[in-house]
């Protein structure tokens, strides 16, 4: 990336804040100039636009040089093989059938804990029960689910 050749500085002198721009010319000589606030804002905008254009150019060059395989490897959500989707669907169905075997109270509290990420004290407040009771229901549900998934295999 090209280095920024312009630098803005603000400093306080006798209660006023003059603005200074320093830059390096084509010969490599550094120049410093006092400028107005309006000009400082314009220079700041110019620096920002120049930086954004440079980044956009670099991204364009990078993408132009990538092969189809490299682009595929960079994908955030890579497509899954159909077999994986089918297996996931079967596992979800199996889990749903296991959840149906829980009592209403266990299922409700398990979902609050694991689907919605609530803390036990929040579940207790919603269910109007003690934290110990909420914890016991969640633990019992987890134990039943673990045993069912361990013993049964999805269809």
N, C-alpha and C. Protein backbone atom coordinates (compact mmCIF):
# COMPACT_ATOMS: atom_id res chain seq x y z
N UNK A 1 0.84 -1.18 0.00
CA UNK A 1 0.00 0.00 0.00
C UNK A 1 0.88 1.24 0.00
N UNK A 2 0.47 2.21 -0.79
CA UNK A 2 1.22 3.46 -0.88
C UNK A 2 1.11 4.22 0.43
N UNK A 3 2.24 4.78 0.89
CA UNK A 3 2.24 5.55 2.13
C UNK A 3 1.56 6.89 1.90
N UNK A 4 0.86 7.35 2.92
CA UNK A 4 0.21 8.65 2.85
C UNK A 4 1.29 9.73 2.86
N UNK A 5 1.20 10.64 1.91
CA UNK A 5 2.23 11.68 1.78
C UNK A 5 1.82 12.98 2.46
N UNK A 6 0.59 13.02 3.02
CA UNK A 6 0.10 14.23 3.65
C UNK A 6 -0.17 13.94 5.12
N UNK A 7 0.19 14.89 5.98
CA UNK A 7 -0.04 14.73 7.41
C UNK A 7 -0.66 16.00 7.95
N UNK A 8 -1.76 15.87 8.67
CA UNK A 8 -2.42 17.01 9.30
C UNK A 8 -2.06 17.04 10.77
N UNK A 9 -1.82 18.25 11.29
CA UNK A 9 -1.52 18.39 12.70
C UNK A 9 -2.29 19.57 13.25
N UNK A 10 -2.75 19.44 14.48
CA UNK A 10 -3.38 20.55 15.20
C UNK A 10 -2.59 20.76 16.48
N UNK A 11 -2.40 21.99 16.84
CA UNK A 11 -1.71 22.27 18.09
C UNK A 11 -2.23 23.60 18.61
N UNK A 12 -2.18 23.77 19.90
CA UNK A 12 -2.72 24.98 20.51
C UNK A 12 -1.61 25.98 20.77
N UNK A 13 -1.86 27.23 20.33
CA UNK A 13 -0.91 28.32 20.56
C UNK A 13 -1.73 29.53 20.99
N UNK A 14 -1.49 30.00 22.21
CA UNK A 14 -2.17 31.19 22.74
C UNK A 14 -3.69 31.07 22.63
N UNK A 15 -4.23 29.92 22.92
CA UNK A 15 -5.68 29.73 22.92
C UNK A 15 -6.29 29.47 21.55
N UNK A 16 -5.51 29.51 20.50
CA UNK A 16 -6.03 29.20 19.16
C UNK A 16 -5.45 27.86 18.72
N UNK A 17 -6.14 27.24 17.77
CA UNK A 17 -5.70 25.93 17.29
C UNK A 17 -5.41 26.04 15.80
N UNK A 18 -4.16 26.41 15.45
CA UNK A 18 -3.82 26.45 14.02
C UNK A 18 -3.66 25.03 13.47
N UNK A 19 -3.87 24.89 12.22
CA UNK A 19 -3.73 23.59 11.55
C UNK A 19 -2.51 23.65 10.64
N UNK A 20 -1.83 22.54 10.60
CA UNK A 20 -0.62 22.47 9.79
C UNK A 20 -0.72 21.23 8.92
N UNK A 21 -0.33 21.37 7.67
CA UNK A 21 -0.23 20.21 6.79
C UNK A 21 1.24 20.08 6.43
N UNK A 22 1.73 18.87 6.49
CA UNK A 22 3.10 18.64 6.04
C UNK A 22 3.04 17.58 4.95
N UNK A 23 3.89 17.72 3.97
CA UNK A 23 3.91 16.78 2.87
C UNK A 23 5.31 16.70 2.30
N UNK A 24 5.55 15.64 1.56
CA UNK A 24 6.84 15.43 0.92
C UNK A 24 6.64 15.62 -0.58
N UNK A 25 7.41 16.49 -1.16
CA UNK A 25 7.25 16.73 -2.61
C UNK A 25 7.97 15.65 -3.41
N UNK A 26 7.93 15.76 -4.71
CA UNK A 26 8.53 14.78 -5.60
C UNK A 26 10.02 14.63 -5.43
N UNK A 27 10.67 15.63 -4.91
CA UNK A 27 12.12 15.58 -4.70
C UNK A 27 12.48 14.98 -3.35
N UNK A 28 11.48 14.67 -2.54
CA UNK A 28 11.74 14.11 -1.22
C UNK A 28 11.91 15.16 -0.15
N UNK A 29 11.60 16.43 -0.46
CA UNK A 29 11.73 17.52 0.51
C UNK A 29 10.41 17.65 1.28
N UNK A 30 10.52 17.74 2.62
CA UNK A 30 9.33 17.90 3.45
C UNK A 30 8.97 19.37 3.58
N UNK A 31 7.68 19.68 3.38
CA UNK A 31 7.18 21.05 3.50
C UNK A 31 6.12 21.08 4.59
N UNK A 32 6.11 22.18 5.37
CA UNK A 32 5.09 22.36 6.40
C UNK A 32 4.44 23.70 6.18
N UNK A 33 3.07 23.69 6.15
CA UNK A 33 2.33 24.92 5.91
C UNK A 33 1.22 25.07 6.94
N UNK A 34 1.01 26.29 7.43
CA UNK A 34 -0.13 26.58 8.28
C UNK A 34 -1.32 26.82 7.36
N UNK A 35 -2.46 26.20 7.71
CA UNK A 35 -3.64 26.33 6.86
C UNK A 35 -4.86 26.61 7.72
N UNK A 36 -5.95 27.04 7.08
CA UNK A 36 -7.19 27.33 7.81
C UNK A 36 -7.88 26.02 8.17
N UNK A 37 -8.84 26.15 9.08
CA UNK A 37 -9.60 24.97 9.51
C UNK A 37 -10.35 24.37 8.33
N UNK A 38 -10.95 25.20 7.48
CA UNK A 38 -11.69 24.72 6.32
C UNK A 38 -10.79 23.94 5.36
N UNK A 39 -9.58 24.47 5.14
CA UNK A 39 -8.64 23.78 4.26
C UNK A 39 -8.17 22.48 4.91
N UNK A 40 -8.01 22.50 6.23
CA UNK A 40 -7.61 21.28 6.94
C UNK A 40 -8.68 20.20 6.78
N UNK A 41 -9.94 20.59 6.88
CA UNK A 41 -11.03 19.63 6.68
C UNK A 41 -11.02 19.08 5.25
N UNK A 42 -10.75 19.96 4.28
CA UNK A 42 -10.69 19.52 2.88
C UNK A 42 -9.52 18.56 2.66
N UNK A 43 -8.36 18.86 3.25
CA UNK A 43 -7.20 17.98 3.12
C UNK A 43 -7.49 16.64 3.79
N UNK A 44 -8.14 16.68 4.95
CA UNK A 44 -8.50 15.44 5.65
C UNK A 44 -9.43 14.59 4.78
N UNK A 45 -10.40 15.22 4.15
CA UNK A 45 -11.32 14.50 3.25
C UNK A 45 -10.55 13.93 2.06
N UNK A 46 -9.61 14.70 1.52
CA UNK A 46 -8.80 14.23 0.40
C UNK A 46 -7.99 12.99 0.80
N UNK A 47 -7.38 13.04 1.99
CA UNK A 47 -6.58 11.90 2.47
C UNK A 47 -7.46 10.67 2.60
N UNK A 48 -8.68 10.85 3.17
CA UNK A 48 -9.60 9.73 3.34
C UNK A 48 -10.02 9.14 2.00
N UNK A 49 -10.37 9.99 1.06
CA UNK A 49 -10.78 9.51 -0.27
C UNK A 49 -9.63 8.79 -0.98
N UNK A 50 -8.44 9.36 -0.89
CA UNK A 50 -7.27 8.74 -1.52
C UNK A 50 -7.00 7.36 -0.92
N UNK A 51 -7.11 7.26 0.40
CA UNK A 51 -6.90 5.97 1.08
C UNK A 51 -7.95 4.95 0.65
N UNK A 52 -9.22 5.38 0.57
CA UNK A 52 -10.28 4.47 0.15
C UNK A 52 -10.10 4.01 -1.29
N UNK A 53 -9.69 4.91 -2.17
CA UNK A 53 -9.43 4.54 -3.57
C UNK A 53 -8.29 3.54 -3.67
N UNK A 54 -7.25 3.75 -2.87
CA UNK A 54 -6.11 2.84 -2.89
C UNK A 54 -6.54 1.45 -2.40
N UNK A 55 -7.34 1.40 -1.34
CA UNK A 55 -7.81 0.11 -0.83
C UNK A 55 -8.71 -0.59 -1.84
N UNK A 56 -9.57 0.17 -2.49
CA UNK A 56 -10.46 -0.41 -3.50
C UNK A 56 -9.64 -0.97 -4.66
N UNK A 57 -8.62 -0.24 -5.06
CA UNK A 57 -7.74 -0.71 -6.14
C UNK A 57 -7.04 -2.00 -5.74
N UNK A 58 -6.53 -2.04 -4.50
CA UNK A 58 -5.83 -3.24 -4.03
C UNK A 58 -6.76 -4.44 -3.97
N UNK A 59 -8.00 -4.23 -3.53
CA UNK A 59 -8.97 -5.34 -3.50
C UNK A 59 -9.27 -5.82 -4.91
N UNK A 60 -9.39 -4.87 -5.84
CA UNK A 60 -9.67 -5.23 -7.24
C UNK A 60 -8.53 -6.08 -7.81
N UNK A 61 -7.31 -5.64 -7.59
CA UNK A 61 -6.15 -6.38 -8.08
C UNK A 61 -6.11 -7.76 -7.44
N UNK A 62 -6.35 -7.82 -6.14
CA UNK A 62 -6.31 -9.10 -5.44
C UNK A 62 -7.36 -10.05 -6.01
N UNK A 63 -8.58 -9.58 -6.21
CA UNK A 63 -9.64 -10.46 -6.72
C UNK A 63 -9.41 -10.85 -8.16
N UNK A 64 -8.81 -9.96 -8.92
CA UNK A 64 -8.54 -10.29 -10.32
C UNK A 64 -7.53 -11.42 -10.42
N UNK A 65 -6.61 -11.48 -9.46
CA UNK A 65 -5.54 -12.47 -9.52
C UNK A 65 -5.93 -13.80 -8.87
N UNK A 66 -7.08 -13.86 -8.19
CA UNK A 66 -7.50 -15.10 -7.55
C UNK A 66 -8.09 -16.07 -8.56
N UNK A 67 -7.78 -17.33 -8.37
CA UNK A 67 -8.37 -18.35 -9.22
C UNK A 67 -9.73 -18.74 -8.67
N UNK A 68 -10.48 -19.47 -9.46
CA UNK A 68 -11.80 -19.93 -9.03
C UNK A 68 -11.68 -20.79 -7.76
N UNK A 69 -10.65 -21.60 -7.70
CA UNK A 69 -10.44 -22.47 -6.54
C UNK A 69 -10.14 -21.64 -5.28
N UNK A 70 -9.33 -20.58 -5.41
CA UNK A 70 -9.01 -19.74 -4.26
C UNK A 70 -10.25 -18.99 -3.77
N UNK A 71 -11.07 -18.53 -4.71
CA UNK A 71 -12.31 -17.87 -4.32
C UNK A 71 -13.22 -18.83 -3.57
N UNK A 72 -13.29 -20.07 -4.05
CA UNK A 72 -14.12 -21.08 -3.39
C UNK A 72 -13.61 -21.35 -1.97
N UNK A 73 -12.29 -21.38 -1.79
CA UNK A 73 -11.72 -21.63 -0.47
C UNK A 73 -12.00 -20.49 0.49
N UNK A 74 -12.17 -19.27 -0.02
CA UNK A 74 -12.42 -18.11 0.82
C UNK A 74 -13.89 -17.93 1.17
N UNK A 75 -14.74 -18.72 0.58
CA UNK A 75 -16.17 -18.57 0.83
C UNK A 75 -16.46 -18.69 2.32
N UNK A 76 -17.32 -17.84 2.79
CA UNK A 76 -17.66 -17.87 4.21
C UNK A 76 -18.53 -19.07 4.53
N UNK A 77 -19.54 -19.30 3.73
CA UNK A 77 -20.42 -20.44 3.92
C UNK A 77 -20.26 -21.36 2.72
N UNK A 78 -19.47 -22.37 2.91
CA UNK A 78 -19.20 -23.29 1.81
C UNK A 78 -20.37 -24.25 1.65
N UNK A 79 -20.70 -24.58 0.40
CA UNK A 79 -21.81 -25.51 0.19
C UNK A 79 -21.46 -26.89 0.76
N UNK A 80 -22.47 -27.51 1.37
CA UNK A 80 -22.25 -28.83 1.95
C UNK A 80 -22.75 -29.88 0.97
N UNK A 81 -22.12 -31.05 1.01
CA UNK A 81 -22.61 -32.13 0.16
C UNK A 81 -24.03 -32.51 0.56
N UNK A 82 -24.84 -33.00 -0.37
CA UNK A 82 -26.23 -33.37 -0.06
C UNK A 82 -26.33 -34.39 1.07
N UNK A 83 -25.35 -35.30 1.16
CA UNK A 83 -25.40 -36.32 2.21
C UNK A 83 -25.38 -35.67 3.59
N UNK A 84 -24.57 -34.62 3.74
CA UNK A 84 -24.48 -33.93 5.03
C UNK A 84 -25.82 -33.29 5.39
N UNK A 85 -26.48 -32.70 4.41
CA UNK A 85 -27.78 -32.07 4.65
C UNK A 85 -28.81 -33.10 5.07
N UNK A 86 -28.79 -34.26 4.42
CA UNK A 86 -29.74 -35.32 4.75
C UNK A 86 -29.48 -35.84 6.16
N UNK A 87 -28.20 -36.09 6.48
CA UNK A 87 -27.86 -36.56 7.82
C UNK A 87 -28.25 -35.54 8.89
N UNK A 88 -28.00 -34.28 8.63
CA UNK A 88 -28.36 -33.24 9.58
C UNK A 88 -29.87 -33.22 9.79
N UNK A 89 -30.62 -33.34 8.71
CA UNK A 89 -32.08 -33.35 8.79
C UNK A 89 -32.55 -34.52 9.66
N UNK A 90 -31.98 -35.71 9.45
CA UNK A 90 -32.34 -36.89 10.23
C UNK A 90 -31.99 -36.71 11.71
N UNK A 91 -30.82 -36.12 11.98
CA UNK A 91 -30.42 -35.89 13.36
C UNK A 91 -31.34 -34.89 14.06
N UNK A 92 -31.76 -33.86 13.33
CA UNK A 92 -32.67 -32.87 13.89
C UNK A 92 -34.01 -33.52 14.20
N UNK A 93 -34.50 -34.33 13.27
CA UNK A 93 -35.77 -35.04 13.50
C UNK A 93 -35.66 -35.94 14.72
N UNK A 94 -34.54 -36.65 14.85
CA UNK A 94 -34.32 -37.53 15.99
C UNK A 94 -34.29 -36.73 17.29
N UNK A 95 -33.61 -35.60 17.29
CA UNK A 95 -33.55 -34.75 18.48
C UNK A 95 -34.94 -34.23 18.83
N UNK A 96 -35.72 -33.85 17.83
CA UNK A 96 -37.08 -33.39 18.08
C UNK A 96 -37.92 -34.48 18.72
N UNK A 97 -37.76 -35.72 18.26
CA UNK A 97 -38.53 -36.83 18.86
C UNK A 97 -38.08 -37.08 20.29
N UNK A 98 -36.78 -36.91 20.56
CA UNK A 98 -36.29 -37.08 21.93
C UNK A 98 -36.85 -35.97 22.82
N UNK A 99 -36.89 -34.73 22.30
CA UNK A 99 -37.44 -33.62 23.07
C UNK A 99 -38.91 -33.84 23.40
N UNK A 100 -39.64 -34.49 22.50
CA UNK A 100 -41.05 -34.77 22.74
C UNK A 100 -41.25 -35.73 23.91
N UNK A 101 -40.23 -36.50 24.24
CA UNK A 101 -40.32 -37.47 25.34
C UNK A 101 -40.14 -36.80 26.70
N UNK A 102 -39.68 -35.55 26.72
CA UNK A 102 -39.51 -34.82 27.97
C UNK A 102 -40.86 -34.33 28.47
N UNK A 103 -40.93 -34.04 29.76
CA UNK A 103 -42.15 -33.41 30.28
C UNK A 103 -42.21 -31.99 29.73
N UNK A 104 -43.39 -31.40 29.78
CA UNK A 104 -43.55 -30.03 29.28
C UNK A 104 -42.61 -29.06 30.00
N UNK A 105 -42.54 -29.23 31.31
CA UNK A 105 -41.68 -28.36 32.13
C UNK A 105 -40.21 -28.51 31.73
N UNK A 106 -39.74 -29.75 31.60
CA UNK A 106 -38.34 -30.01 31.23
C UNK A 106 -38.04 -29.45 29.84
N UNK A 107 -38.95 -29.70 28.90
CA UNK A 107 -38.74 -29.23 27.52
C UNK A 107 -38.68 -27.71 27.48
N UNK A 108 -39.61 -27.06 28.17
CA UNK A 108 -39.67 -25.60 28.17
C UNK A 108 -38.40 -25.01 28.77
N UNK A 109 -37.98 -25.52 29.91
CA UNK A 109 -36.80 -24.99 30.59
C UNK A 109 -35.52 -25.32 29.82
N UNK A 110 -35.47 -26.51 29.21
CA UNK A 110 -34.31 -26.87 28.39
C UNK A 110 -34.18 -25.90 27.21
N UNK A 111 -35.31 -25.60 26.55
CA UNK A 111 -35.27 -24.67 25.40
C UNK A 111 -34.87 -23.27 25.83
N UNK A 112 -35.39 -22.84 26.98
CA UNK A 112 -35.01 -21.51 27.47
C UNK A 112 -33.51 -21.43 27.72
N UNK A 113 -32.97 -22.51 28.25
CA UNK A 113 -31.54 -22.54 28.58
C UNK A 113 -30.68 -22.65 27.33
N UNK A 114 -31.00 -23.60 26.45
CA UNK A 114 -30.09 -23.91 25.34
C UNK A 114 -30.48 -23.28 24.00
N UNK A 115 -31.74 -23.01 23.78
CA UNK A 115 -32.13 -22.36 22.52
C UNK A 115 -32.00 -20.84 22.62
N UNK A 116 -32.37 -20.32 23.81
CA UNK A 116 -32.38 -18.87 23.98
C UNK A 116 -31.23 -18.36 24.84
N UNK A 117 -30.44 -19.25 25.41
CA UNK A 117 -29.24 -18.88 26.16
C UNK A 117 -29.50 -18.16 27.47
N UNK A 118 -30.66 -18.39 28.07
CA UNK A 118 -30.97 -17.72 29.34
C UNK A 118 -30.20 -18.37 30.49
N UNK A 119 -29.95 -17.58 31.50
CA UNK A 119 -29.30 -18.09 32.70
C UNK A 119 -30.36 -18.72 33.60
N UNK A 120 -29.91 -19.57 34.50
CA UNK A 120 -30.85 -20.29 35.36
C UNK A 120 -31.71 -19.33 36.19
N UNK A 121 -31.13 -18.23 36.66
CA UNK A 121 -31.92 -17.29 37.46
C UNK A 121 -32.98 -16.60 36.59
N UNK A 122 -32.68 -16.39 35.30
CA UNK A 122 -33.67 -15.81 34.40
C UNK A 122 -34.80 -16.80 34.13
N UNK A 123 -34.43 -18.06 33.96
CA UNK A 123 -35.45 -19.11 33.76
C UNK A 123 -36.33 -19.20 35.00
N UNK A 124 -35.71 -19.15 36.18
CA UNK A 124 -36.48 -19.22 37.43
C UNK A 124 -37.46 -18.06 37.52
N UNK A 125 -37.04 -16.88 37.12
CA UNK A 125 -37.93 -15.72 37.17
C UNK A 125 -39.10 -15.88 36.20
N UNK A 126 -38.83 -16.37 35.01
CA UNK A 126 -39.88 -16.57 34.00
C UNK A 126 -40.86 -17.64 34.46
N UNK A 127 -40.32 -18.73 34.99
CA UNK A 127 -41.13 -19.88 35.39
C UNK A 127 -41.74 -19.73 36.79
N UNK A 128 -41.33 -18.67 37.49
CA UNK A 128 -41.79 -18.42 38.86
C UNK A 128 -41.51 -19.63 39.76
N UNK A 129 -40.23 -20.02 39.74
CA UNK A 129 -39.79 -21.13 40.58
C UNK A 129 -38.43 -20.77 41.15
N UNK A 130 -37.88 -21.65 41.97
CA UNK A 130 -36.56 -21.39 42.53
C UNK A 130 -35.49 -21.70 41.48
N UNK A 131 -34.31 -21.14 41.67
CA UNK A 131 -33.19 -21.41 40.77
C UNK A 131 -32.84 -22.89 40.84
N UNK A 132 -32.91 -23.48 42.03
CA UNK A 132 -32.59 -24.90 42.19
C UNK A 132 -33.57 -25.77 41.38
N UNK A 133 -34.84 -25.39 41.39
CA UNK A 133 -35.84 -26.14 40.64
C UNK A 133 -35.59 -26.03 39.14
N UNK A 134 -35.26 -24.83 38.68
CA UNK A 134 -34.96 -24.63 37.26
C UNK A 134 -33.73 -25.44 36.87
N UNK A 135 -32.70 -25.41 37.72
CA UNK A 135 -31.47 -26.16 37.44
C UNK A 135 -31.74 -27.66 37.41
N UNK A 136 -32.56 -28.13 38.33
CA UNK A 136 -32.87 -29.56 38.38
C UNK A 136 -33.61 -30.00 37.11
N UNK A 137 -34.56 -29.20 36.66
CA UNK A 137 -35.31 -29.54 35.44
C UNK A 137 -34.40 -29.57 34.23
N UNK A 138 -33.52 -28.57 34.11
CA UNK A 138 -32.60 -28.51 32.97
C UNK A 138 -31.64 -29.68 33.02
N UNK A 139 -31.10 -29.98 34.19
CA UNK A 139 -30.16 -31.10 34.32
C UNK A 139 -30.84 -32.43 34.00
N UNK A 140 -32.06 -32.61 34.48
CA UNK A 140 -32.79 -33.84 34.20
C UNK A 140 -33.06 -33.97 32.70
N UNK A 141 -33.44 -32.87 32.05
CA UNK A 141 -33.68 -32.89 30.60
C UNK A 141 -32.40 -33.22 29.85
N UNK A 142 -31.29 -32.60 30.24
CA UNK A 142 -30.01 -32.88 29.58
C UNK A 142 -29.63 -34.34 29.73
N UNK A 143 -29.85 -34.88 30.91
CA UNK A 143 -29.51 -36.28 31.16
C UNK A 143 -30.36 -37.21 30.29
N UNK A 144 -31.65 -36.93 30.22
CA UNK A 144 -32.55 -37.76 29.40
C UNK A 144 -32.16 -37.68 27.92
N UNK A 145 -31.84 -36.49 27.46
CA UNK A 145 -31.46 -36.31 26.05
C UNK A 145 -30.15 -37.04 25.77
N UNK A 146 -29.18 -36.87 26.66
CA UNK A 146 -27.89 -37.54 26.48
C UNK A 146 -28.07 -39.04 26.40
N UNK A 147 -28.84 -39.62 27.32
CA UNK A 147 -29.08 -41.07 27.33
C UNK A 147 -29.81 -41.52 26.08
N UNK A 148 -30.80 -40.77 25.66
CA UNK A 148 -31.57 -41.15 24.46
C UNK A 148 -30.70 -41.09 23.22
N UNK A 149 -29.88 -40.07 23.11
CA UNK A 149 -29.02 -39.94 21.92
C UNK A 149 -27.90 -40.98 21.93
N UNK A 150 -27.45 -41.35 23.12
CA UNK A 150 -26.41 -42.35 23.24
C UNK A 150 -26.94 -43.74 22.88
N UNK A 151 -28.16 -44.04 23.32
CA UNK A 151 -28.74 -45.36 23.13
C UNK A 151 -29.42 -45.56 21.79
N UNK A 152 -30.08 -44.51 21.31
CA UNK A 152 -30.80 -44.60 20.04
C UNK A 152 -29.98 -43.97 18.93
N UNK A 153 -30.07 -44.54 17.79
CA UNK A 153 -29.44 -43.96 16.61
C UNK A 153 -30.55 -43.36 15.74
N UNK A 154 -30.25 -42.25 15.05
CA UNK A 154 -31.29 -41.67 14.19
C UNK A 154 -31.68 -42.66 13.10
N UNK A 155 -32.95 -42.59 12.64
CA UNK A 155 -33.42 -43.53 11.61
C UNK A 155 -32.62 -43.45 10.34
